[in-house]
Amino acid sequence: MDSFVPLQLIDTREVSKFSESHLPGAINIPQIDLPDLVHLISKETTVIIYCMYGVKSQAPYLYLTEKLKYKNIFVLEGGIFQWATDIDTSLPLS
């Protein structure tokens, strides 16, 4: 029997990029808005943050884990680009 692990997806790209495409169920918290919207990020659930290629998610990751001491944050390696390439080729990217 598979066990379900609840998680939260955070897209750290700009609103316009999020509007064009995003992972199903993701919420948009652009990197620049993170300090003001950090209350939207769960401390109890596994959180996956992503950007286009996985590089720009490193700064939000460090902010959340080092400054705010979140323990449940992970970066989607390769970002939404890698996801669209390997997992869901129907996901539009620009």
N, C-alpha and C. Protein backbone atom coordinates (compact mmCIF):
# COMPACT_ATOMS: atom_id res chain seq x y z
N MET A 1 0.84 -1.18 0.00
CA MET A 1 0.00 0.00 0.00
C MET A 1 0.89 1.24 0.00
N ASP A 2 0.63 2.15 -0.92
CA ASP A 2 1.39 3.39 -0.99
C ASP A 2 0.96 4.31 0.13
N SER A 3 1.92 5.00 0.70
CA SER A 3 1.58 5.98 1.73
C SER A 3 1.64 7.38 1.11
N PHE A 4 0.67 8.17 1.45
CA PHE A 4 0.56 9.52 0.92
C PHE A 4 1.26 10.49 1.86
N VAL A 5 2.16 11.28 1.32
CA VAL A 5 2.85 12.30 2.10
C VAL A 5 2.32 13.65 1.65
N PRO A 6 1.59 14.35 2.53
CA PRO A 6 1.08 15.67 2.13
C PRO A 6 2.25 16.62 1.89
N LEU A 7 2.11 17.43 0.87
CA LEU A 7 3.16 18.41 0.59
C LEU A 7 2.57 19.69 0.04
N GLN A 8 3.36 20.72 0.10
CA GLN A 8 2.97 22.02 -0.42
C GLN A 8 3.97 22.40 -1.50
N LEU A 9 3.47 22.84 -2.64
CA LEU A 9 4.32 23.27 -3.75
C LEU A 9 4.31 24.79 -3.80
N ILE A 10 5.50 25.38 -3.81
CA ILE A 10 5.65 26.83 -3.88
C ILE A 10 6.44 27.17 -5.14
N ASP A 11 5.81 27.93 -6.02
CA ASP A 11 6.46 28.41 -7.24
C ASP A 11 7.01 29.80 -6.93
N THR A 12 8.33 29.96 -7.01
CA THR A 12 8.97 31.22 -6.64
C THR A 12 9.20 32.17 -7.82
N ARG A 13 8.64 31.81 -8.98
CA ARG A 13 8.80 32.66 -10.16
C ARG A 13 7.85 33.85 -10.11
N GLU A 14 8.04 34.78 -11.01
CA GLU A 14 7.17 35.96 -11.10
C GLU A 14 5.75 35.54 -11.45
N VAL A 15 4.80 36.37 -11.09
CA VAL A 15 3.37 36.09 -11.30
C VAL A 15 3.07 35.78 -12.76
N SER A 16 3.67 36.52 -13.69
CA SER A 16 3.39 36.29 -15.12
C SER A 16 3.83 34.90 -15.56
N LYS A 17 4.97 34.43 -15.07
CA LYS A 17 5.44 33.08 -15.42
C LYS A 17 4.55 32.02 -14.79
N PHE A 18 4.15 32.24 -13.54
CA PHE A 18 3.25 31.31 -12.86
C PHE A 18 1.93 31.21 -13.62
N SER A 19 1.42 32.35 -14.10
CA SER A 19 0.15 32.37 -14.84
C SER A 19 0.24 31.57 -16.13
N GLU A 20 1.41 31.56 -16.76
CA GLU A 20 1.60 30.82 -18.01
C GLU A 20 1.59 29.31 -17.78
N SER A 21 2.24 28.87 -16.72
CA SER A 21 2.26 27.45 -16.38
C SER A 21 2.81 27.27 -14.97
N HIS A 22 2.34 26.22 -14.33
CA HIS A 22 2.84 25.86 -13.00
C HIS A 22 2.43 24.43 -12.70
N LEU A 23 3.04 23.87 -11.70
CA LEU A 23 2.69 22.52 -11.30
C LEU A 23 1.31 22.53 -10.65
N PRO A 24 0.50 21.52 -10.91
CA PRO A 24 -0.84 21.46 -10.32
C PRO A 24 -0.78 21.54 -8.80
N GLY A 25 -1.60 22.42 -8.24
CA GLY A 25 -1.68 22.59 -6.80
C GLY A 25 -0.68 23.56 -6.21
N ALA A 26 0.22 24.08 -7.03
CA ALA A 26 1.23 25.02 -6.53
C ALA A 26 0.61 26.37 -6.21
N ILE A 27 1.21 27.04 -5.24
CA ILE A 27 0.86 28.44 -5.00
C ILE A 27 2.05 29.29 -5.39
N ASN A 28 1.77 30.50 -5.78
CA ASN A 28 2.81 31.40 -6.26
C ASN A 28 3.23 32.36 -5.15
N ILE A 29 4.50 32.26 -4.78
CA ILE A 29 5.11 33.22 -3.87
C ILE A 29 6.42 33.66 -4.52
N PRO A 30 6.38 34.74 -5.31
CA PRO A 30 7.60 35.20 -5.96
C PRO A 30 8.69 35.47 -4.92
N GLN A 31 9.92 35.19 -5.31
CA GLN A 31 11.05 35.32 -4.39
C GLN A 31 11.06 36.68 -3.70
N ILE A 32 10.80 37.73 -4.42
CA ILE A 32 10.85 39.07 -3.84
C ILE A 32 9.77 39.29 -2.77
N ASP A 33 8.68 38.55 -2.87
CA ASP A 33 7.56 38.69 -1.92
C ASP A 33 7.64 37.72 -0.75
N LEU A 34 8.63 36.86 -0.74
CA LEU A 34 8.71 35.82 0.27
C LEU A 34 8.64 36.33 1.71
N PRO A 35 9.40 37.37 2.08
CA PRO A 35 9.31 37.83 3.48
C PRO A 35 7.90 38.24 3.90
N ASP A 36 7.14 38.82 2.98
CA ASP A 36 5.78 39.27 3.31
C ASP A 36 4.76 38.14 3.28
N LEU A 37 5.07 37.06 2.57
CA LEU A 37 4.09 35.98 2.39
C LEU A 37 4.52 34.67 3.05
N VAL A 38 5.55 34.72 3.86
CA VAL A 38 6.08 33.51 4.48
C VAL A 38 5.02 32.81 5.34
N HIS A 39 4.05 33.56 5.83
CA HIS A 39 2.99 32.95 6.65
C HIS A 39 2.15 31.94 5.85
N LEU A 40 2.23 31.97 4.52
CA LEU A 40 1.50 31.02 3.68
C LEU A 40 2.20 29.67 3.57
N ILE A 41 3.43 29.59 4.05
CA ILE A 41 4.22 28.37 3.93
C ILE A 41 4.09 27.54 5.20
N SER A 42 3.71 26.30 5.00
CA SER A 42 3.46 25.39 6.12
C SER A 42 4.75 25.01 6.85
N LYS A 43 4.67 24.96 8.17
CA LYS A 43 5.78 24.45 8.97
C LYS A 43 5.58 22.98 9.32
N GLU A 44 4.39 22.46 9.06
CA GLU A 44 4.06 21.08 9.41
C GLU A 44 4.15 20.12 8.23
N THR A 45 4.07 20.63 7.03
CA THR A 45 4.01 19.82 5.82
C THR A 45 5.33 19.89 5.07
N THR A 46 5.66 18.87 4.33
CA THR A 46 6.80 18.92 3.43
C THR A 46 6.54 19.98 2.37
N VAL A 47 7.51 20.85 2.14
CA VAL A 47 7.36 21.95 1.19
C VAL A 47 8.41 21.80 0.10
N ILE A 48 7.94 21.82 -1.15
CA ILE A 48 8.83 21.78 -2.31
C ILE A 48 8.76 23.15 -2.97
N ILE A 49 9.91 23.82 -3.07
CA ILE A 49 9.94 25.09 -3.77
C ILE A 49 10.62 24.89 -5.11
N TYR A 50 10.17 25.67 -6.09
CA TYR A 50 10.77 25.54 -7.41
C TYR A 50 10.73 26.86 -8.17
N CYS A 51 11.61 26.93 -9.15
CA CYS A 51 11.66 28.05 -10.08
C CYS A 51 11.77 27.42 -11.47
N MET A 52 12.30 28.14 -12.43
CA MET A 52 12.40 27.58 -13.78
C MET A 52 13.42 26.44 -13.86
N TYR A 53 14.63 26.66 -13.35
CA TYR A 53 15.69 25.66 -13.49
C TYR A 53 16.21 25.11 -12.16
N GLY A 54 15.71 25.60 -11.05
CA GLY A 54 16.16 25.14 -9.74
C GLY A 54 17.26 25.97 -9.12
N VAL A 55 17.81 26.92 -9.86
CA VAL A 55 18.92 27.73 -9.36
C VAL A 55 18.42 28.87 -8.46
N LYS A 56 17.41 29.59 -8.92
CA LYS A 56 16.91 30.74 -8.16
C LYS A 56 16.13 30.33 -6.92
N SER A 57 15.79 29.08 -6.81
CA SER A 57 15.11 28.59 -5.60
C SER A 57 16.07 28.43 -4.43
N GLN A 58 17.36 28.47 -4.71
CA GLN A 58 18.34 28.29 -3.65
C GLN A 58 18.29 29.43 -2.63
N ALA A 59 18.10 30.66 -3.07
CA ALA A 59 18.03 31.80 -2.14
C ALA A 59 16.81 31.68 -1.22
N PRO A 60 15.60 31.42 -1.74
CA PRO A 60 14.47 31.21 -0.84
C PRO A 60 14.69 30.02 0.09
N TYR A 61 15.31 28.97 -0.41
CA TYR A 61 15.60 27.80 0.42
C TYR A 61 16.48 28.19 1.61
N LEU A 62 17.54 28.91 1.34
CA LEU A 62 18.45 29.33 2.41
C LEU A 62 17.76 30.27 3.39
N TYR A 63 16.95 31.18 2.87
CA TYR A 63 16.21 32.10 3.73
C TYR A 63 15.30 31.32 4.69
N LEU A 64 14.57 30.37 4.14
CA LEU A 64 13.62 29.61 4.95
C LEU A 64 14.32 28.66 5.93
N THR A 65 15.38 28.02 5.49
CA THR A 65 16.03 27.03 6.36
C THR A 65 17.03 27.64 7.34
N GLU A 66 17.79 28.62 6.90
CA GLU A 66 18.82 29.18 7.78
C GLU A 66 18.30 30.32 8.64
N LYS A 67 17.56 31.23 8.04
CA LYS A 67 17.08 32.38 8.81
C LYS A 67 15.83 32.07 9.62
N LEU A 68 14.87 31.38 8.99
CA LEU A 68 13.60 31.11 9.66
C LEU A 68 13.53 29.71 10.28
N LYS A 69 14.55 28.90 10.07
CA LYS A 69 14.68 27.59 10.71
C LYS A 69 13.60 26.57 10.32
N TYR A 70 13.08 26.68 9.08
CA TYR A 70 12.18 25.64 8.58
C TYR A 70 12.98 24.37 8.40
N LYS A 71 12.37 23.24 8.70
CA LYS A 71 13.05 21.95 8.60
C LYS A 71 12.53 21.10 7.44
N ASN A 72 11.44 21.52 6.83
CA ASN A 72 10.72 20.68 5.88
C ASN A 72 10.77 21.20 4.45
N ILE A 73 11.78 21.97 4.09
CA ILE A 73 11.87 22.63 2.79
C ILE A 73 12.83 21.86 1.87
N PHE A 74 12.39 21.67 0.64
CA PHE A 74 13.23 21.03 -0.37
C PHE A 74 13.11 21.81 -1.68
N VAL A 75 14.15 21.76 -2.49
CA VAL A 75 14.16 22.41 -3.80
C VAL A 75 13.94 21.34 -4.86
N LEU A 76 13.05 21.62 -5.81
CA LEU A 76 12.83 20.70 -6.92
C LEU A 76 14.03 20.81 -7.87
N GLU A 77 14.85 19.79 -7.85
CA GLU A 77 16.06 19.80 -8.67
C GLU A 77 15.71 19.91 -10.14
N GLY A 78 16.33 20.87 -10.81
CA GLY A 78 16.06 21.09 -12.23
C GLY A 78 14.85 21.97 -12.48
N GLY A 79 14.12 22.30 -11.43
CA GLY A 79 12.97 23.20 -11.55
C GLY A 79 11.85 22.67 -12.41
N ILE A 80 10.96 23.58 -12.77
CA ILE A 80 9.80 23.21 -13.57
C ILE A 80 10.23 22.78 -14.98
N PHE A 81 11.37 23.29 -15.44
CA PHE A 81 11.88 22.89 -16.75
C PHE A 81 12.16 21.38 -16.78
N GLN A 82 12.86 20.89 -15.77
CA GLN A 82 13.19 19.47 -15.72
C GLN A 82 11.92 18.63 -15.56
N TRP A 83 10.99 19.12 -14.74
CA TRP A 83 9.71 18.43 -14.54
C TRP A 83 8.99 18.30 -15.88
N ALA A 84 8.92 19.40 -16.62
CA ALA A 84 8.23 19.40 -17.93
C ALA A 84 8.95 18.52 -18.94
N THR A 85 10.24 18.39 -18.81
CA THR A 85 11.03 17.57 -19.72
C THR A 85 10.89 16.08 -19.41
N ASP A 86 10.94 15.74 -18.12
CA ASP A 86 10.98 14.33 -17.72
C ASP A 86 9.66 13.73 -17.28
N ILE A 87 8.78 14.54 -16.70
CA ILE A 87 7.58 14.01 -16.08
C ILE A 87 6.31 14.37 -16.85
N ASP A 88 6.11 15.65 -17.13
CA ASP A 88 4.87 16.10 -17.77
C ASP A 88 5.19 16.95 -18.97
N THR A 89 5.36 16.30 -20.12
CA THR A 89 5.75 17.01 -21.34
C THR A 89 4.63 17.88 -21.89
N SER A 90 3.43 17.77 -21.34
CA SER A 90 2.33 18.63 -21.79
C SER A 90 2.36 20.00 -21.11
N LEU A 91 3.20 20.17 -20.11
CA LEU A 91 3.29 21.44 -19.38
C LEU A 91 3.96 22.48 -20.25
N PRO A 92 3.26 23.58 -20.55
CA PRO A 92 3.87 24.61 -21.41
C PRO A 92 4.94 25.41 -20.66
N LEU A 93 6.02 25.66 -21.34
CA LEU A 93 7.10 26.50 -20.78
C LEU A 93 7.44 27.58 -21.78
N SER A 94 7.77 28.74 -21.24
CA SER A 94 8.19 29.83 -22.14
C SER A 94 9.54 30.34 -21.74
